C-alpha cells in the first residue's frame, strides 16, 4: 500500500473523531501521518465500547474494554456493522457451557482492518473484511478435501464456543473476556486469526454484507451446496427465520419449481414469497401431521427438505416429508440440548439425512463469492433487514428477536458509511 493512501485513510478517520474519540484511546490528527506512525498505532492497546455478557440470562452491558494489539498471525478489525443471530441468543439464554462467561458475543459482522500482527501476509490496513467463525487454513486435510468445509486449525476443531482466556485479546475491569466463536463482533474493535477472515470487495456495503458472516450463507448454502437442490425439483423449508428464508432463496436460486414454506407464524409467509416460496403451510392449521400434508401436496413427498428451526421434532418431520427412494433432508438448525431420532425405515427406504455447518461453504473462499453474488444482484440481502440500531440498543434487538416477530437486526458499531465511501473512492 502506498503512503498517500495511508495518509488519506488517517485523514478520513480524523473527520469522524467526534464518534471515535469518545470511546477509543487512539489520538487522531488532522494532519497526515507517516507510514511508521500508522504501524506504531497498531501496537497500541485500544479502549473502546463493547456489549459484554457478564452472565447467562442477563442483559448485555455496554462497557469500555481494552483490545490488545494483534499477535502473530492475527488481525485487529475496526467493526462497522454486525447482525444479531439466534446463535448469540442460544449461548446467552440456553447456557451452552458453564465456562462461557463473561464473553463478548456477536459473530456476523464486517469491518476494516486497523492493524496486523507478525506473519500476516494476505491482509493489510484498510482492507474490508468479514470475520469468520469457521476458519479455513487451506493446508489441513479438511481444507484440502472438497467434501468438507471444516478446518483442523481453527478454534472450532476442539472447542464449542469461545477462545480461551489466554487467547482472548479483550480485557474489562481487569478481567479477561472470552471471545465468542473467535470473532466477538459486538465490539467496536476485535482481533481474529488470519485463517478466519475473508477479504471482500471494498465497494460492498458493510451494513448489508455483514449478514454473510453466518445466517445467510448457512441457509443458502444448505440448499445449494449441501442438499444440492436440482432444477425442477420440489422442496420444503421448515422455519422462516433469516436462515430459513435464505434456504428458500437458495432453493429458488437452484431452480426448484415448488418451494413449500412451513412456519407457525403466518406473518412470515409474505416475506417468504419475496425469496421464492410458492406454497405455505402452517402446521397449527392442519389436523394431520405436517409430513402427511406435504406428501399430499407433492405426490408422496418433496425431493429436498431443510430444517431451519433447531427442533429435534421438526428434524424428524422434515425427514419424513421427503419422498422415499431419493429424498434428501438437511439439518440446518442448531441445538445440542436434545437427541434426535427417527424410525430406521425412513432411511432404509432410500432417504438421505444430512447436516452441515455454514452451508457447506469453505469460509474464506465462499464468503467473497457470496459478496460478489450480492453485488451482481444474484442474491438478496437488503430484504432480510428489518431494523437498524446503534450498538447501545443491542438489548432491544435481542428482545425483538426473542419474540420471533422479525428477521434481522443490524447494529451499527460505527455509523460510517460516508467514511467507507471516501476511504475507498481512490481505488475506483
Protein backbone atom coordinates (compact mmCIF):
# COMPACT_ATOMS: atom_id res chain seq x y z
CA UNK A 1 0.00 0.00 0.00
CA UNK A 2 1.37 3.40 -0.91
CA UNK A 3 1.96 6.15 1.61
CA UNK A 4 -0.63 8.56 0.14
CA UNK A 5 -3.39 6.05 0.83
CA UNK A 6 -2.26 5.69 4.46
CA UNK A 7 -2.39 9.45 4.80
CA UNK A 8 -5.83 9.61 3.21
CA UNK A 9 -7.00 6.78 5.48
CA UNK A 10 -5.97 8.60 8.65
CA UNK A 11 -7.28 11.92 7.42
CA UNK A 12 -10.71 10.42 6.78
CA UNK A 13 -10.74 8.78 10.22
CA UNK A 14 -9.90 12.16 11.77
CA UNK A 15 -13.07 13.63 10.27
CA UNK A 16 -15.05 11.18 12.37
CA UNK A 17 -13.13 11.71 15.59
CA UNK A 18 -16.28 13.06 17.22
CA UNK A 19 -17.51 9.47 17.06
CA UNK A 20 -14.35 7.64 17.91
CA UNK A 21 -12.56 9.79 20.45
CA UNK A 22 -15.35 9.26 22.96
CA UNK A 23 -14.65 5.54 23.01
CA UNK A 24 -11.15 4.93 21.73
CA UNK A 25 -7.69 5.60 23.05
CA UNK A 26 -6.34 6.49 19.61
CA UNK A 27 -5.46 10.12 19.02
CA UNK A 28 -6.50 11.28 15.57
CA UNK A 29 -4.64 14.07 13.86
CA UNK A 30 -5.97 16.35 11.15
CA UNK A 31 -2.53 16.47 9.54
CA UNK A 32 -1.19 13.49 7.56
CA UNK A 33 0.61 10.76 9.49
CA UNK A 34 3.59 8.84 8.26
CA UNK A 35 3.58 5.15 7.42
CA UNK A 36 5.65 4.37 10.51
CA UNK A 37 3.26 6.28 12.74
CA UNK A 38 0.39 4.14 11.50
CA UNK A 39 2.31 0.94 12.11
CA UNK A 40 3.07 2.09 15.65
CA UNK A 41 -0.62 2.74 16.19
CA UNK A 42 -1.26 -0.94 15.57
CA UNK A 43 0.87 -1.77 18.61
CA UNK A 44 -1.32 0.20 20.98
CA UNK A 45 -3.99 -1.12 23.30
CA UNK A 46 -7.31 0.31 22.16
CA UNK A 47 -10.04 1.30 24.57
CA UNK A 48 -13.48 1.01 23.01
CA UNK A 49 -17.09 0.12 23.68
CA UNK A 50 -18.40 -3.44 23.61
CA UNK A 51 -21.55 -5.26 24.67
CA UNK A 52 -20.44 -7.62 27.44
CA UNK A 53 -22.39 -10.66 28.63
CA UNK A 54 -21.25 -10.99 32.23
CA UNK A 55 -23.52 -13.93 32.99
CA UNK A 56 -26.21 -16.01 31.28
CA UNK A 57 -29.84 -14.89 31.10
CA UNK A 58 -28.95 -11.27 31.86
CA UNK A 59 -28.97 -8.17 29.64
CA UNK A 60 -25.72 -7.27 27.92
CA UNK A 61 -23.85 -4.31 29.38
CA UNK A 62 -22.14 -1.66 27.26
CA UNK A 63 -18.67 -1.43 28.78
CA UNK A 64 -15.36 0.17 27.97
CA UNK A 65 -12.95 -2.65 27.20
CA UNK A 66 -9.28 -2.88 26.27
CA UNK A 67 -8.42 -4.58 22.99
CA UNK A 68 -4.80 -5.74 22.84
CA UNK A 69 -2.70 -5.45 19.68
CA UNK A 70 -2.80 -8.36 17.24
CA UNK A 71 -0.22 -11.06 17.91
CA UNK A 72 1.39 -13.39 15.37
CA UNK A 73 -0.99 -14.27 12.52
CA UNK A 74 -3.73 -12.05 13.93
CA UNK A 75 -5.68 -9.08 12.58
CA UNK A 76 -7.30 -6.25 14.51
CA UNK A 77 -10.51 -5.04 12.89
CA UNK A 78 -12.48 -1.83 13.32
CA UNK A 79 -16.04 -3.15 13.18
CA UNK A 80 -18.61 -1.21 11.16
CA UNK A 81 -21.78 -3.28 11.45
CA UNK A 82 -22.93 -6.58 12.86
CA UNK A 83 -26.06 -8.66 12.66
CA UNK A 84 -27.73 -10.30 15.65
CA UNK A 85 -28.04 -14.07 15.19
CA UNK A 86 -30.07 -16.63 17.12
CA UNK A 87 -26.82 -18.42 17.95
CA UNK A 88 -25.86 -15.43 20.10
CA UNK A 89 -29.18 -15.76 21.91
CA UNK A 90 -28.72 -19.51 22.21
CA UNK A 91 -25.44 -19.01 24.06
CA UNK A 92 -26.82 -16.22 26.24
CA UNK A 93 -30.08 -17.85 27.28
CA UNK A 94 -29.57 -21.59 26.93
CA UNK A 95 -26.22 -21.72 28.76
CA UNK A 96 -24.27 -23.81 26.24
CA UNK A 97 -21.48 -24.36 28.75
CA UNK A 98 -20.70 -23.08 32.22
CA UNK A 99 -17.31 -21.58 31.39
CA UNK A 100 -18.72 -19.33 28.69
CA UNK A 101 -18.86 -16.05 30.63
CA UNK A 102 -18.02 -13.20 30.69
CA UNK A 103 -18.00 -13.01 26.92
CA UNK A 104 -18.42 -10.57 24.06
CA UNK A 105 -20.96 -12.13 21.71
CA UNK A 106 -21.57 -11.45 18.02
CA UNK A 107 -20.26 -13.35 15.01
CA UNK A 108 -21.99 -11.83 11.98
CA UNK A 109 -20.08 -8.63 11.26
CA UNK A 110 -17.99 -6.65 8.80
CA UNK A 111 -15.30 -4.03 9.22
CA UNK A 112 -11.99 -2.54 8.18
CA UNK A 113 -8.54 -3.87 9.06
CA UNK A 114 -6.91 -1.49 11.57
CA UNK A 115 -3.61 -3.35 12.02
CA UNK A 116 -1.99 -6.74 11.51
CA UNK A 117 0.39 -8.83 13.57
CA UNK A 118 3.64 -10.53 12.53
CA UNK A 119 3.28 -13.20 9.88
CA UNK A 120 0.17 -11.75 8.26
CA UNK A 121 0.78 -11.55 4.52
CA UNK A 122 -2.63 -11.56 2.82
CA UNK A 123 -4.18 -8.61 4.65
CA UNK A 124 -3.19 -5.01 5.24
CA UNK A 125 -4.54 -1.92 6.95
CA UNK A 126 -7.58 -0.58 5.13
CA UNK A 127 -8.84 -3.91 3.74
CA UNK A 128 -12.57 -4.52 4.06
CA UNK A 129 -13.19 -7.87 5.72
CA UNK A 130 -15.73 -10.20 7.27
CA UNK A 131 -14.54 -12.15 10.35
CA UNK A 132 -15.44 -15.83 10.23
CA UNK A 133 -16.50 -18.23 12.96
CA UNK A 134 -15.35 -21.09 10.72
CA UNK A 135 -11.69 -20.92 9.76
CA UNK A 136 -10.03 -22.08 6.54
CA UNK A 137 -6.28 -22.60 6.82
CA UNK A 138 -6.14 -24.10 3.29
CA UNK A 139 -3.47 -26.55 4.44
CA UNK A 140 -5.10 -29.24 6.61
CA UNK A 141 -6.73 -32.43 5.30
CA UNK A 142 -10.21 -30.97 5.73
CA UNK A 143 -9.44 -27.76 3.86
CA UNK A 144 -7.88 -29.74 1.02
CA UNK A 145 -10.83 -32.12 0.77
CA UNK A 146 -13.67 -30.75 -1.40
CA UNK A 147 -16.17 -32.83 0.59
CA UNK A 148 -15.76 -30.75 3.77
CA UNK A 149 -15.63 -27.14 4.91
CA UNK A 150 -14.18 -27.92 8.33
CA UNK A 151 -10.66 -26.91 9.36
CA UNK A 152 -8.34 -28.65 11.81
CA UNK A 153 -6.51 -25.48 12.83
CA UNK A 154 -9.45 -23.33 13.87
CA UNK A 155 -10.91 -22.80 17.33
CA UNK A 156 -13.90 -24.95 16.39
CA UNK A 157 -11.72 -28.04 15.98
CA UNK A 158 -11.54 -28.61 19.74
CA UNK A 159 -13.83 -26.03 21.35
CA UNK A 160 -17.55 -25.41 21.37
CA UNK A 161 -17.82 -21.69 21.84
CA UNK A 162 -15.04 -19.29 22.71
CA UNK A 163 -11.35 -18.51 22.57
CA UNK A 164 -9.74 -19.35 25.89
CA UNK A 165 -8.86 -16.54 28.32
CA UNK A 166 -5.20 -16.91 27.34
CA UNK A 167 -6.07 -16.42 23.66
CA UNK A 168 -8.54 -13.58 24.14
CA UNK A 169 -7.38 -10.05 23.36
CA UNK A 170 -10.23 -8.50 25.40
CA UNK A 171 -9.98 -7.19 28.96
CA UNK A 172 -12.54 -5.31 31.05
CA UNK A 173 -12.14 -4.06 34.62
CA UNK A 174 -9.01 -6.15 34.95
CA UNK A 175 -10.77 -9.36 33.91
CA UNK A 176 -10.27 -11.32 30.71
CA UNK A 177 -13.33 -11.53 28.45
CA UNK A 178 -13.89 -14.56 26.27
CA UNK A 179 -14.18 -14.07 22.51
CA UNK A 180 -17.26 -15.80 21.16
CA UNK A 181 -16.56 -18.27 18.34
CA UNK A 182 -13.29 -16.49 17.69
CA UNK A 183 -14.97 -13.30 16.45
CA UNK A 184 -16.89 -11.16 19.01
CA UNK A 185 -18.43 -8.61 16.69
CA UNK A 186 -20.44 -6.84 19.42
CA UNK A 187 -17.39 -4.65 19.94
CA UNK A 188 -16.04 -1.58 18.19
CA UNK A 189 -12.77 -3.47 17.67
CA UNK A 190 -11.97 -7.15 17.61
CA UNK A 191 -8.94 -9.36 16.98
CA UNK A 192 -9.15 -12.54 14.90
CA UNK A 193 -6.78 -15.09 13.41
CA UNK A 194 -5.95 -14.53 9.75
CA UNK A 195 -7.29 -18.02 8.99
CA UNK A 196 -10.74 -16.74 9.96
CA UNK A 197 -11.04 -13.57 7.88
CA UNK A 198 -12.45 -13.08 4.38
CA UNK A 199 -11.24 -10.12 2.33
CA UNK A 200 -14.12 -8.71 0.31
CA UNK A 201 -14.88 -6.16 -2.39
CA UNK A 202 -14.23 -2.71 -0.86
CA UNK A 203 -17.28 -1.36 -2.71
CA UNK A 204 -19.62 -3.72 -0.82
CA UNK A 205 -21.90 -2.05 1.76
CA UNK A 206 -20.71 -3.43 5.08
CA UNK A 207 -24.07 -2.92 6.78
CA UNK A 208 -25.54 -5.44 4.32
CA UNK A 209 -22.80 -7.97 3.60
CA UNK A 210 -22.10 -8.45 7.32
CA UNK A 211 -25.01 -10.90 7.19
CA UNK A 212 -22.88 -13.24 5.09
CA UNK A 213 -20.78 -14.00 8.16
CA UNK A 214 -23.33 -16.56 9.29
CA UNK A 215 -27.07 -16.89 8.70
CA UNK A 216 -27.49 -16.13 5.02
CA UNK A 217 -24.61 -18.35 3.91
CA UNK A 218 -25.84 -21.05 6.27
CA UNK A 219 -29.33 -21.24 4.78
CA UNK A 220 -28.46 -20.51 1.16
CA UNK A 221 -25.57 -22.95 1.14
CA UNK A 222 -27.64 -25.68 2.79
CA UNK A 223 -29.86 -25.68 -0.29
CA UNK A 224 -27.24 -25.10 -2.97
CA UNK A 225 -24.13 -26.85 -1.61
CA UNK A 226 -25.41 -29.49 0.80
CA UNK A 227 -28.82 -30.61 -0.45
CA UNK A 228 -27.75 -29.74 -3.99
CA UNK A 229 -31.28 -28.81 -4.99
CA UNK A 230 -31.92 -29.57 -8.65
CA UNK A 231 -33.82 -27.58 -11.30
CA UNK A 232 -37.48 -28.58 -11.45
CA UNK A 233 -37.43 -30.24 -8.01
CA UNK A 234 -39.79 -29.87 -5.06
CA UNK A 235 -38.58 -28.51 -1.71
CA UNK A 236 -39.87 -27.83 1.79
CA UNK A 237 -38.23 -25.37 4.17
CA UNK A 238 -39.15 -25.67 7.85
CA UNK A 239 -38.78 -22.40 9.77
CA UNK A 240 -38.85 -18.95 8.22
CA UNK A 241 -36.33 -17.04 10.26
CA UNK A 242 -33.38 -15.50 8.46
CA UNK A 243 -31.71 -18.88 7.90
CA UNK A 244 -34.93 -20.41 6.61
CA UNK A 245 -35.61 -17.51 4.26
CA UNK A 246 -32.05 -17.85 2.97
CA UNK A 247 -32.74 -21.54 2.38
CA UNK A 248 -35.86 -20.60 0.41
CA UNK A 249 -33.71 -18.20 -1.61
CA UNK A 250 -31.20 -20.99 -2.23
CA UNK A 251 -33.89 -23.37 -3.45
CA UNK A 252 -35.19 -20.70 -5.81
CA UNK A 253 -31.66 -19.91 -7.00
CA UNK A 254 -31.11 -23.60 -7.78
CA UNK A 255 -34.26 -23.74 -9.92
CA UNK A 256 -36.76 -25.61 -7.73
CA UNK A 257 -40.26 -25.47 -9.21
CA UNK A 258 -42.18 -25.89 -5.94
CA UNK A 259 -40.93 -24.47 -2.63
CA UNK A 260 -43.17 -25.09 0.38
CA UNK A 261 -42.52 -22.71 3.28
CA UNK A 262 -43.51 -24.12 6.69
CA UNK A 263 -43.90 -21.97 9.81
CA UNK A 264 -46.35 -21.44 12.67
CA UNK A 265 -46.23 -17.65 12.19
CA UNK A 266 -48.41 -16.72 9.19
CA UNK A 267 -46.95 -13.20 9.16
CA UNK A 268 -43.76 -14.66 7.69
CA UNK A 269 -45.38 -16.13 4.61
CA UNK A 270 -45.47 -12.91 2.60
CA UNK A 271 -41.77 -12.42 3.23
CA UNK A 272 -41.05 -15.99 2.14
CA UNK A 273 -42.75 -15.22 -1.17
CA UNK A 274 -40.20 -12.45 -1.76
CA UNK A 275 -37.43 -15.05 -1.64
CA UNK A 276 -39.16 -17.53 -3.94
CA UNK A 277 -41.61 -19.63 -1.90
CA UNK A 278 -44.55 -20.93 -3.93
CA UNK A 279 -46.68 -22.56 -1.20
CA UNK A 280 -47.23 -22.04 2.52
CA UNK A 281 -48.24 -24.38 5.31
CA UNK A 282 -48.98 -23.52 8.93
CA UNK A 283 -48.91 -26.76 10.95
CA UNK A 284 -51.28 -25.21 13.50
CA UNK A 285 -53.98 -25.02 10.84
CA UNK A 286 -53.75 -28.72 9.97
CA UNK A 287 -55.16 -31.73 11.77
CA UNK A 288 -52.75 -34.15 10.10
CA UNK A 289 -49.00 -34.44 10.72
CA UNK A 290 -47.12 -32.00 8.53
CA UNK A 291 -45.35 -34.84 6.72
CA UNK A 292 -48.71 -36.20 5.56
CA UNK A 293 -49.83 -32.75 4.44
CA UNK A 294 -46.69 -32.30 2.36
CA UNK A 295 -46.95 -35.82 0.93
CA UNK A 296 -50.46 -34.99 -0.31
CA UNK A 297 -49.20 -31.76 -1.87
CA UNK A 298 -46.30 -33.42 -3.70
CA UNK A 299 -47.37 -36.92 -4.72
CA UNK A 300 -45.54 -38.68 -1.91
CA UNK A 301 -43.10 -36.14 -0.54
CA UNK A 302 -40.61 -33.49 -1.57
CA UNK A 303 -37.27 -34.13 -3.21
CA UNK A 304 -35.48 -31.92 -0.68
CA UNK A 305 -36.32 -30.66 2.80
CA UNK A 306 -34.38 -28.28 5.03
CA UNK A 307 -34.89 -27.98 8.79
CA UNK A 308 -34.02 -24.43 9.88
CA UNK A 309 -35.52 -24.34 13.38
CA UNK A 310 -33.20 -26.34 15.61
CA UNK A 311 -36.02 -28.53 16.95
CA UNK A 312 -35.46 -32.28 17.08
CA UNK A 313 -39.16 -32.87 16.46
CA UNK A 314 -39.11 -30.73 13.35
CA UNK A 315 -35.96 -32.51 12.17
CA UNK A 316 -37.88 -35.78 12.16
CA UNK A 317 -40.86 -34.21 10.42
CA UNK A 318 -38.59 -32.76 7.74
CA UNK A 319 -37.08 -36.18 7.06
CA UNK A 320 -40.49 -37.85 6.91
CA UNK A 321 -41.67 -35.16 4.46
CA UNK A 322 -39.17 -36.36 1.86
CA UNK A 323 -40.13 -38.80 -0.86
CA UNK A 324 -38.83 -42.32 -0.39
CA UNK A 325 -36.17 -43.55 -2.76
CA UNK A 326 -34.20 -40.34 -3.24
CA UNK A 327 -35.43 -37.65 -0.86
CA UNK A 328 -32.72 -35.62 0.89
CA UNK A 329 -33.26 -33.83 4.20
CA UNK A 330 -30.69 -31.39 5.59
CA UNK A 331 -30.44 -30.40 9.26
CA UNK A 332 -29.56 -26.71 9.37
CA UNK A 333 -30.95 -25.54 12.73
CA UNK A 334 -28.58 -25.68 15.68
CA UNK A 335 -29.16 -27.37 19.01
CA UNK A 336 -27.08 -29.53 21.33
CA UNK A 337 -29.65 -29.77 24.11
CA UNK A 338 -31.57 -32.81 22.86
CA UNK A 339 -31.01 -36.05 20.97
CA UNK A 340 -32.97 -36.66 17.80
CA UNK A 341 -34.41 -39.90 16.50
CA UNK A 342 -36.27 -41.39 13.56
CA UNK A 343 -37.54 -44.78 12.52
CA UNK A 344 -34.80 -46.68 10.66
CA UNK A 345 -37.24 -47.50 7.86
CA UNK A 346 -37.18 -43.83 6.86
CA UNK A 347 -33.54 -44.21 5.84
CA UNK A 348 -33.75 -47.82 4.70
CA UNK A 349 -36.42 -46.67 2.25
CA UNK A 350 -33.79 -44.59 0.48
CA UNK A 351 -33.96 -41.19 2.11
CA UNK A 352 -30.75 -39.37 3.00
CA UNK A 353 -30.29 -37.36 6.19
CA UNK A 354 -27.50 -34.78 6.09
CA UNK A 355 -26.16 -31.92 8.14
CA UNK A 356 -23.76 -29.08 7.51
CA UNK A 357 -22.13 -26.11 9.14
CA UNK A 358 -22.14 -22.71 7.44
CA UNK A 359 -23.99 -24.06 4.44
CA UNK A 360 -21.05 -26.16 3.33
CA UNK A 361 -19.09 -23.08 2.27
CA UNK A 362 -15.32 -23.11 2.68
CA UNK A 363 -15.38 -19.83 4.52
CA UNK A 364 -12.55 -17.70 3.12
CA UNK A 365 -13.37 -18.79 -0.42
CA UNK A 366 -17.15 -18.82 -0.20
CA UNK A 367 -17.87 -15.52 1.55
CA UNK A 368 -16.17 -13.30 -1.08
CA UNK A 369 -18.08 -15.24 -3.74
CA UNK A 370 -21.36 -14.57 -1.96
CA UNK A 371 -20.47 -10.89 -1.62
CA UNK A 372 -19.91 -10.78 -5.36
CA UNK A 373 -23.21 -12.55 -5.97
CA UNK A 374 -24.91 -9.85 -3.93
CA UNK A 375 -23.12 -7.10 -5.82
CA UNK A 376 -24.23 -8.77 -9.07
CA UNK A 377 -27.83 -8.87 -7.74
CA UNK A 378 -27.96 -12.66 -7.86
CA UNK A 379 -28.78 -12.99 -4.14
CA UNK A 380 -30.77 -10.72 -1.83
CA UNK A 381 -29.58 -9.19 1.44
CA UNK A 382 -31.40 -5.88 1.88
CA UNK A 383 -34.75 -7.66 2.14
CA UNK A 384 -33.64 -9.55 5.26
CA UNK A 385 -33.08 -6.39 7.27
CA UNK A 386 -35.95 -5.05 9.36
CA UNK A 387 -34.19 -2.84 11.93
CA UNK A 388 -31.04 -0.71 12.09
CA UNK A 389 -29.85 0.16 15.59
CA UNK A 390 -26.75 1.50 17.33
CA UNK A 391 -24.71 -0.87 19.45
CA UNK A 392 -26.19 0.76 22.56
CA UNK A 393 -29.57 -0.79 21.66
CA UNK A 394 -28.29 -4.34 21.44
CA UNK A 395 -30.65 -5.50 24.20
CA UNK A 396 -33.63 -4.09 22.30
CA UNK A 397 -32.57 -6.09 19.25
CA UNK A 398 -32.25 -9.22 21.36
CA UNK A 399 -35.74 -8.77 22.82
CA UNK A 400 -37.26 -8.31 19.37
CA UNK A 401 -35.55 -11.44 18.13
CA UNK A 402 -36.62 -13.42 21.20
CA UNK A 403 -40.22 -12.55 20.39
CA UNK A 404 -39.75 -14.05 16.95
CA UNK A 405 -41.52 -11.25 15.11
CA UNK A 406 -38.67 -10.05 12.95
CA UNK A 407 -35.80 -11.35 10.90
CA UNK A 408 -32.53 -9.44 11.03
CA UNK A 409 -31.23 -6.60 13.16
CA UNK A 410 -28.18 -4.66 12.08
CA UNK A 411 -26.22 -2.98 14.85
CA UNK A 412 -24.12 -0.10 13.63
CA UNK A 413 -20.94 -0.30 15.66
CA UNK A 414 -19.88 2.89 13.88
CA UNK A 415 -22.14 4.92 11.62
CA UNK A 416 -19.54 5.46 8.96
CA UNK A 417 -20.97 4.75 5.53
CA UNK A 418 -19.59 8.13 4.44
CA UNK A 419 -16.20 7.10 5.81
CA UNK A 420 -16.31 3.88 3.83
CA UNK A 421 -17.21 5.76 0.63
CA UNK A 422 -14.42 8.30 1.00
CA UNK A 423 -11.91 5.74 2.18
CA UNK A 424 -12.14 3.68 -0.98
CA UNK A 425 -13.03 6.18 -3.66
CA UNK A 426 -9.36 6.34 -4.69
CA UNK A 427 -9.47 2.63 -5.54
CA UNK A 428 -12.04 3.03 -8.32
